[in-house]
Amino acid sequence: MFNIDPFSLFLRFLFGGSAVLASTLIARTFGGRLGGIFAAFPAVYLAAVMGLSMEYKGSELLSVTEQLSKGALVGMAADICCALAASYFILRYGWKRGLGLALLFWAVLAPLIYLAWFGF
């Protein structure tokens, strides 16, 4: 069903893992605010675009990159809302329940944003 190149998966793993490691090290060294900025680094998006560039060429690459970018915009908007919700819920309910509620909020909000923005 899915034909994903192993090298493309490796790129996603490498970029995503490196971004998590970097944001953790920066947060421990310089504080959570600066670490949080790096936690939002679009590593997975960049790896996905690079992977698409290996699988598609020309106008087909532009088309699939545009689709990916639209989804990324929705995801980023939902991530901002999730971060705001997490800061509220974690302070109110503790980190475990607060994080769970914030992720649930994201899971409901992201499809709603997509449908409102792009329709079906």
N, C-alpha and C. Protein backbone atom coordinates (compact mmCIF):
# COMPACT_ATOMS: atom_id res chain seq x y z
N MET A 1 0.82 -1.19 0.00
CA MET A 1 0.00 0.00 0.00
C MET A 1 0.87 1.26 0.00
N PHE A 2 1.80 1.34 0.96
CA PHE A 2 2.69 2.49 1.02
C PHE A 2 4.04 2.09 0.45
N ASN A 3 4.55 2.90 -0.45
CA ASN A 3 5.85 2.63 -1.02
C ASN A 3 6.79 3.75 -0.57
N ILE A 4 7.39 3.57 0.60
CA ILE A 4 8.26 4.58 1.17
C ILE A 4 9.69 4.10 1.08
N ASP A 5 10.53 4.94 0.53
CA ASP A 5 11.94 4.63 0.39
C ASP A 5 12.60 4.57 1.77
N PRO A 6 13.38 3.53 2.06
CA PRO A 6 14.05 3.44 3.36
C PRO A 6 14.97 4.64 3.65
N PHE A 7 15.61 5.18 2.63
CA PHE A 7 16.48 6.35 2.84
C PHE A 7 15.65 7.55 3.28
N SER A 8 14.45 7.69 2.73
CA SER A 8 13.55 8.77 3.13
C SER A 8 13.15 8.62 4.60
N LEU A 9 12.88 7.39 5.02
CA LEU A 9 12.57 7.15 6.43
C LEU A 9 13.76 7.48 7.31
N PHE A 10 14.96 7.10 6.86
CA PHE A 10 16.17 7.41 7.60
C PHE A 10 16.35 8.91 7.78
N LEU A 11 16.08 9.68 6.70
CA LEU A 11 16.20 11.14 6.79
C LEU A 11 15.25 11.70 7.84
N ARG A 12 14.01 11.22 7.84
CA ARG A 12 13.03 11.69 8.83
C ARG A 12 13.50 11.37 10.24
N PHE A 13 14.00 10.17 10.41
CA PHE A 13 14.50 9.75 11.72
C PHE A 13 15.69 10.62 12.13
N LEU A 14 16.61 10.84 11.23
CA LEU A 14 17.80 11.63 11.53
C LEU A 14 17.46 13.08 11.85
N PHE A 15 16.65 13.72 11.01
CA PHE A 15 16.28 15.12 11.25
C PHE A 15 15.44 15.27 12.51
N GLY A 16 14.44 14.43 12.65
CA GLY A 16 13.56 14.53 13.82
C GLY A 16 14.30 14.26 15.11
N GLY A 17 15.09 13.19 15.14
CA GLY A 17 15.86 12.87 16.34
C GLY A 17 16.88 13.93 16.68
N SER A 18 17.53 14.47 15.66
CA SER A 18 18.53 15.53 15.89
C SER A 18 17.87 16.78 16.44
N ALA A 19 16.68 17.12 15.95
CA ALA A 19 15.97 18.29 16.44
C ALA A 19 15.57 18.11 17.90
N VAL A 20 15.12 16.92 18.27
CA VAL A 20 14.75 16.65 19.66
C VAL A 20 15.98 16.73 20.56
N LEU A 21 17.07 16.13 20.13
CA LEU A 21 18.31 16.17 20.90
C LEU A 21 18.80 17.61 21.07
N ALA A 22 18.82 18.36 19.98
CA ALA A 22 19.30 19.75 20.04
C ALA A 22 18.42 20.60 20.96
N SER A 23 17.11 20.47 20.84
CA SER A 23 16.23 21.28 21.69
C SER A 23 16.39 20.91 23.16
N THR A 24 16.62 19.63 23.45
CA THR A 24 16.83 19.20 24.83
C THR A 24 18.13 19.79 25.38
N LEU A 25 19.20 19.69 24.61
CA LEU A 25 20.49 20.23 25.06
C LEU A 25 20.43 21.75 25.23
N ILE A 26 19.78 22.43 24.32
CA ILE A 26 19.65 23.88 24.42
C ILE A 26 18.80 24.26 25.62
N ALA A 27 17.71 23.53 25.86
CA ALA A 27 16.86 23.82 27.02
C ALA A 27 17.61 23.62 28.33
N ARG A 28 18.43 22.56 28.40
CA ARG A 28 19.19 22.31 29.62
C ARG A 28 20.29 23.35 29.83
N THR A 29 20.85 23.83 28.74
CA THR A 29 21.95 24.78 28.84
C THR A 29 21.48 26.21 29.02
N PHE A 30 20.47 26.62 28.23
CA PHE A 30 20.06 28.02 28.19
C PHE A 30 18.66 28.28 28.73
N GLY A 31 17.94 27.24 29.09
CA GLY A 31 16.60 27.42 29.62
C GLY A 31 15.52 26.97 28.65
N GLY A 32 14.34 26.76 29.21
CA GLY A 32 13.23 26.20 28.45
C GLY A 32 12.70 27.08 27.33
N ARG A 33 12.76 28.37 27.50
CA ARG A 33 12.22 29.25 26.46
C ARG A 33 13.00 29.10 25.16
N LEU A 34 14.30 29.15 25.24
CA LEU A 34 15.11 28.99 24.03
C LEU A 34 15.02 27.57 23.51
N GLY A 35 14.99 26.60 24.41
CA GLY A 35 14.81 25.21 24.00
C GLY A 35 13.48 24.99 23.30
N GLY A 36 12.46 25.69 23.76
CA GLY A 36 11.14 25.58 23.14
C GLY A 36 11.13 26.10 21.71
N ILE A 37 11.90 27.13 21.46
CA ILE A 37 11.99 27.65 20.08
C ILE A 37 12.56 26.57 19.17
N PHE A 38 13.61 25.90 19.63
CA PHE A 38 14.21 24.85 18.82
C PHE A 38 13.35 23.59 18.78
N ALA A 39 12.50 23.39 19.78
CA ALA A 39 11.59 22.24 19.76
C ALA A 39 10.58 22.37 18.62
N ALA A 40 10.35 23.58 18.16
CA ALA A 40 9.42 23.82 17.06
C ALA A 40 10.11 23.80 15.70
N PHE A 41 11.38 23.43 15.67
CA PHE A 41 12.11 23.37 14.40
C PHE A 41 11.43 22.38 13.46
N PRO A 42 11.18 22.77 12.23
CA PRO A 42 10.43 21.91 11.30
C PRO A 42 11.28 20.80 10.67
N ALA A 43 11.94 20.01 11.49
CA ALA A 43 12.84 18.97 10.99
C ALA A 43 12.11 17.91 10.18
N VAL A 44 10.97 17.48 10.65
CA VAL A 44 10.23 16.43 9.95
C VAL A 44 9.73 16.95 8.60
N TYR A 45 9.29 18.20 8.58
CA TYR A 45 8.84 18.81 7.32
C TYR A 45 9.98 18.86 6.31
N LEU A 46 11.14 19.34 6.74
CA LEU A 46 12.28 19.43 5.83
C LEU A 46 12.71 18.05 5.33
N ALA A 47 12.71 17.06 6.21
CA ALA A 47 13.05 15.71 5.79
C ALA A 47 12.02 15.16 4.81
N ALA A 48 10.75 15.48 5.02
CA ALA A 48 9.70 15.03 4.10
C ALA A 48 9.86 15.66 2.72
N VAL A 49 10.19 16.94 2.68
CA VAL A 49 10.41 17.61 1.39
C VAL A 49 11.62 17.00 0.68
N MET A 50 12.68 16.73 1.43
CA MET A 50 13.86 16.11 0.83
C MET A 50 13.53 14.72 0.30
N GLY A 51 12.75 13.97 1.08
CA GLY A 51 12.34 12.64 0.63
C GLY A 51 11.48 12.70 -0.63
N LEU A 52 10.57 13.67 -0.68
CA LEU A 52 9.73 13.84 -1.88
C LEU A 52 10.59 14.18 -3.09
N SER A 53 11.64 14.98 -2.88
CA SER A 53 12.49 15.38 -4.01
C SER A 53 13.25 14.20 -4.59
N MET A 54 13.38 13.13 -3.82
CA MET A 54 14.03 11.92 -4.34
C MET A 54 13.04 11.03 -5.09
N GLU A 55 11.76 11.19 -4.79
CA GLU A 55 10.74 10.33 -5.38
C GLU A 55 10.02 10.97 -6.56
N TYR A 56 9.94 12.31 -6.59
CA TYR A 56 9.18 13.01 -7.62
C TYR A 56 10.07 14.04 -8.31
N LYS A 57 9.69 14.42 -9.50
CA LYS A 57 10.43 15.43 -10.27
C LYS A 57 9.44 16.39 -10.93
N GLY A 58 9.93 17.59 -11.24
CA GLY A 58 9.18 18.55 -12.03
C GLY A 58 7.88 18.99 -11.41
N SER A 59 6.84 19.07 -12.25
CA SER A 59 5.54 19.58 -11.79
C SER A 59 4.90 18.64 -10.77
N GLU A 60 5.17 17.36 -10.86
CA GLU A 60 4.62 16.42 -9.88
C GLU A 60 5.22 16.70 -8.49
N LEU A 61 6.51 17.02 -8.43
CA LEU A 61 7.16 17.38 -7.17
C LEU A 61 6.53 18.64 -6.60
N LEU A 62 6.29 19.63 -7.45
CA LEU A 62 5.65 20.87 -6.97
C LEU A 62 4.28 20.60 -6.40
N SER A 63 3.53 19.73 -7.06
CA SER A 63 2.17 19.42 -6.60
C SER A 63 2.18 18.73 -5.23
N VAL A 64 3.01 17.70 -5.07
CA VAL A 64 3.01 16.99 -3.79
C VAL A 64 3.63 17.84 -2.68
N THR A 65 4.59 18.70 -3.03
CA THR A 65 5.18 19.61 -2.04
C THR A 65 4.15 20.64 -1.58
N GLU A 66 3.33 21.12 -2.52
CA GLU A 66 2.26 22.06 -2.15
C GLU A 66 1.27 21.41 -1.19
N GLN A 67 0.90 20.15 -1.47
CA GLN A 67 -0.02 19.44 -0.59
C GLN A 67 0.60 19.25 0.80
N LEU A 68 1.87 18.86 0.83
CA LEU A 68 2.57 18.69 2.09
C LEU A 68 2.64 20.01 2.86
N SER A 69 2.90 21.09 2.16
CA SER A 69 3.02 22.40 2.80
C SER A 69 1.70 22.86 3.39
N LYS A 70 0.61 22.60 2.70
CA LYS A 70 -0.71 22.94 3.24
C LYS A 70 -0.96 22.19 4.54
N GLY A 71 -0.63 20.90 4.54
CA GLY A 71 -0.78 20.12 5.77
C GLY A 71 0.13 20.63 6.88
N ALA A 72 1.34 21.05 6.51
CA ALA A 72 2.28 21.59 7.50
C ALA A 72 1.75 22.89 8.11
N LEU A 73 1.13 23.73 7.30
CA LEU A 73 0.54 24.96 7.83
C LEU A 73 -0.54 24.66 8.86
N VAL A 74 -1.38 23.70 8.54
CA VAL A 74 -2.43 23.29 9.49
C VAL A 74 -1.78 22.75 10.76
N GLY A 75 -0.78 21.88 10.58
CA GLY A 75 -0.10 21.30 11.73
C GLY A 75 0.55 22.35 12.61
N MET A 76 1.16 23.35 11.99
CA MET A 76 1.82 24.41 12.77
C MET A 76 0.80 25.24 13.54
N ALA A 77 -0.31 25.54 12.91
CA ALA A 77 -1.37 26.29 13.61
C ALA A 77 -1.90 25.48 14.79
N ALA A 78 -2.11 24.19 14.57
CA ALA A 78 -2.58 23.32 15.65
C ALA A 78 -1.52 23.18 16.74
N ASP A 79 -0.23 23.17 16.35
CA ASP A 79 0.85 23.07 17.34
C ASP A 79 0.88 24.30 18.25
N ILE A 80 0.66 25.47 17.68
CA ILE A 80 0.62 26.70 18.49
C ILE A 80 -0.51 26.60 19.51
N CYS A 81 -1.67 26.18 19.06
CA CYS A 81 -2.81 26.03 19.97
C CYS A 81 -2.53 24.96 21.02
N CYS A 82 -1.86 23.88 20.62
CA CYS A 82 -1.51 22.81 21.56
C CYS A 82 -0.54 23.31 22.62
N ALA A 83 0.44 24.10 22.21
CA ALA A 83 1.41 24.64 23.17
C ALA A 83 0.71 25.54 24.18
N LEU A 84 -0.21 26.37 23.70
CA LEU A 84 -0.96 27.24 24.61
C LEU A 84 -1.83 26.41 25.55
N ALA A 85 -2.49 25.40 25.00
CA ALA A 85 -3.33 24.53 25.82
C ALA A 85 -2.49 23.76 26.83
N ALA A 86 -1.31 23.30 26.42
CA ALA A 86 -0.44 22.56 27.33
C ALA A 86 0.00 23.43 28.50
N SER A 87 0.34 24.68 28.21
CA SER A 87 0.77 25.56 29.31
C SER A 87 -0.37 25.77 30.31
N TYR A 88 -1.58 25.84 29.84
CA TYR A 88 -2.73 26.00 30.73
C TYR A 88 -3.03 24.69 31.47
N PHE A 89 -3.18 23.59 30.71
CA PHE A 89 -3.59 22.32 31.32
C PHE A 89 -2.54 21.76 32.27
N ILE A 90 -1.27 21.90 31.93
CA ILE A 90 -0.22 21.37 32.80
C ILE A 90 -0.20 22.10 34.13
N LEU A 91 -0.34 23.42 34.10
CA LEU A 91 -0.38 24.18 35.35
C LEU A 91 -1.62 23.82 36.18
N ARG A 92 -2.69 23.53 35.51
CA ARG A 92 -3.95 23.26 36.23
C ARG A 92 -4.06 21.81 36.71
N TYR A 93 -3.63 20.83 35.88
CA TYR A 93 -3.85 19.42 36.18
C TYR A 93 -2.59 18.59 36.40
N GLY A 94 -1.42 19.20 36.30
CA GLY A 94 -0.18 18.42 36.39
C GLY A 94 0.28 18.01 35.00
N TRP A 95 1.53 17.56 34.91
CA TRP A 95 2.11 17.35 33.58
C TRP A 95 1.52 16.15 32.85
N LYS A 96 1.20 15.06 33.54
CA LYS A 96 0.68 13.88 32.84
C LYS A 96 -0.70 14.13 32.25
N ARG A 97 -1.61 14.53 33.09
CA ARG A 97 -2.98 14.77 32.62
C ARG A 97 -3.03 15.99 31.70
N GLY A 98 -2.25 17.03 32.04
CA GLY A 98 -2.23 18.24 31.22
C GLY A 98 -1.71 17.97 29.82
N LEU A 99 -0.64 17.18 29.71
CA LEU A 99 -0.10 16.84 28.40
C LEU A 99 -1.10 15.99 27.61
N GLY A 100 -1.74 15.05 28.29
CA GLY A 100 -2.75 14.23 27.62
C GLY A 100 -3.90 15.06 27.08
N LEU A 101 -4.36 16.01 27.88
CA LEU A 101 -5.45 16.88 27.44
C LEU A 101 -5.02 17.78 26.28
N ALA A 102 -3.79 18.28 26.34
CA ALA A 102 -3.30 19.14 25.26
C ALA A 102 -3.17 18.35 23.96
N LEU A 103 -2.71 17.11 24.03
CA LEU A 103 -2.59 16.28 22.82
C LEU A 103 -3.97 15.91 22.28
N LEU A 104 -4.90 15.65 23.17
CA LEU A 104 -6.28 15.39 22.73
C LEU A 104 -6.86 16.63 22.05
N PHE A 105 -6.59 17.80 22.62
CA PHE A 105 -7.02 19.06 22.02
C PHE A 105 -6.45 19.20 20.62
N TRP A 106 -5.16 18.89 20.46
CA TRP A 106 -4.52 18.96 19.14
C TRP A 106 -5.18 17.99 18.17
N ALA A 107 -5.44 16.77 18.62
CA ALA A 107 -6.03 15.74 17.75
C ALA A 107 -7.42 16.13 17.25
N VAL A 108 -8.16 16.86 18.04
CA VAL A 108 -9.48 17.34 17.62
C VAL A 108 -9.34 18.59 16.76
N LEU A 109 -8.45 19.48 17.17
CA LEU A 109 -8.33 20.77 16.50
C LEU A 109 -7.71 20.69 15.11
N ALA A 110 -6.67 19.88 14.93
CA ALA A 110 -5.97 19.82 13.64
C ALA A 110 -6.91 19.46 12.48
N PRO A 111 -7.74 18.41 12.60
CA PRO A 111 -8.67 18.13 11.49
C PRO A 111 -9.70 19.24 11.29
N LEU A 112 -10.14 19.87 12.39
CA LEU A 112 -11.11 20.96 12.26
C LEU A 112 -10.50 22.15 11.51
N ILE A 113 -9.24 22.47 11.82
CA ILE A 113 -8.57 23.56 11.11
C ILE A 113 -8.44 23.21 9.64
N TYR A 114 -8.04 21.97 9.35
CA TYR A 114 -7.88 21.55 7.96
C TYR A 114 -9.21 21.66 7.20
N LEU A 115 -10.27 21.16 7.79
CA LEU A 115 -11.57 21.20 7.12
C LEU A 115 -12.06 22.65 6.93
N ALA A 116 -11.83 23.49 7.93
CA ALA A 116 -12.25 24.89 7.81
C ALA A 116 -11.42 25.64 6.77
N TRP A 117 -10.15 25.31 6.67
CA TRP A 117 -9.24 26.02 5.79
C TRP A 117 -9.32 25.52 4.35
N PHE A 118 -9.34 24.21 4.18
CA PHE A 118 -9.25 23.62 2.85
C PHE A 118 -10.48 22.84 2.42
N GLY A 119 -11.41 22.61 3.32
CA GLY A 119 -12.59 21.81 2.98
C GLY A 119 -12.21 20.36 2.84
N PHE A 120 -13.07 19.60 2.18
CA PHE A 120 -12.78 18.17 2.00
C PHE A 120 -11.83 18.06 0.89
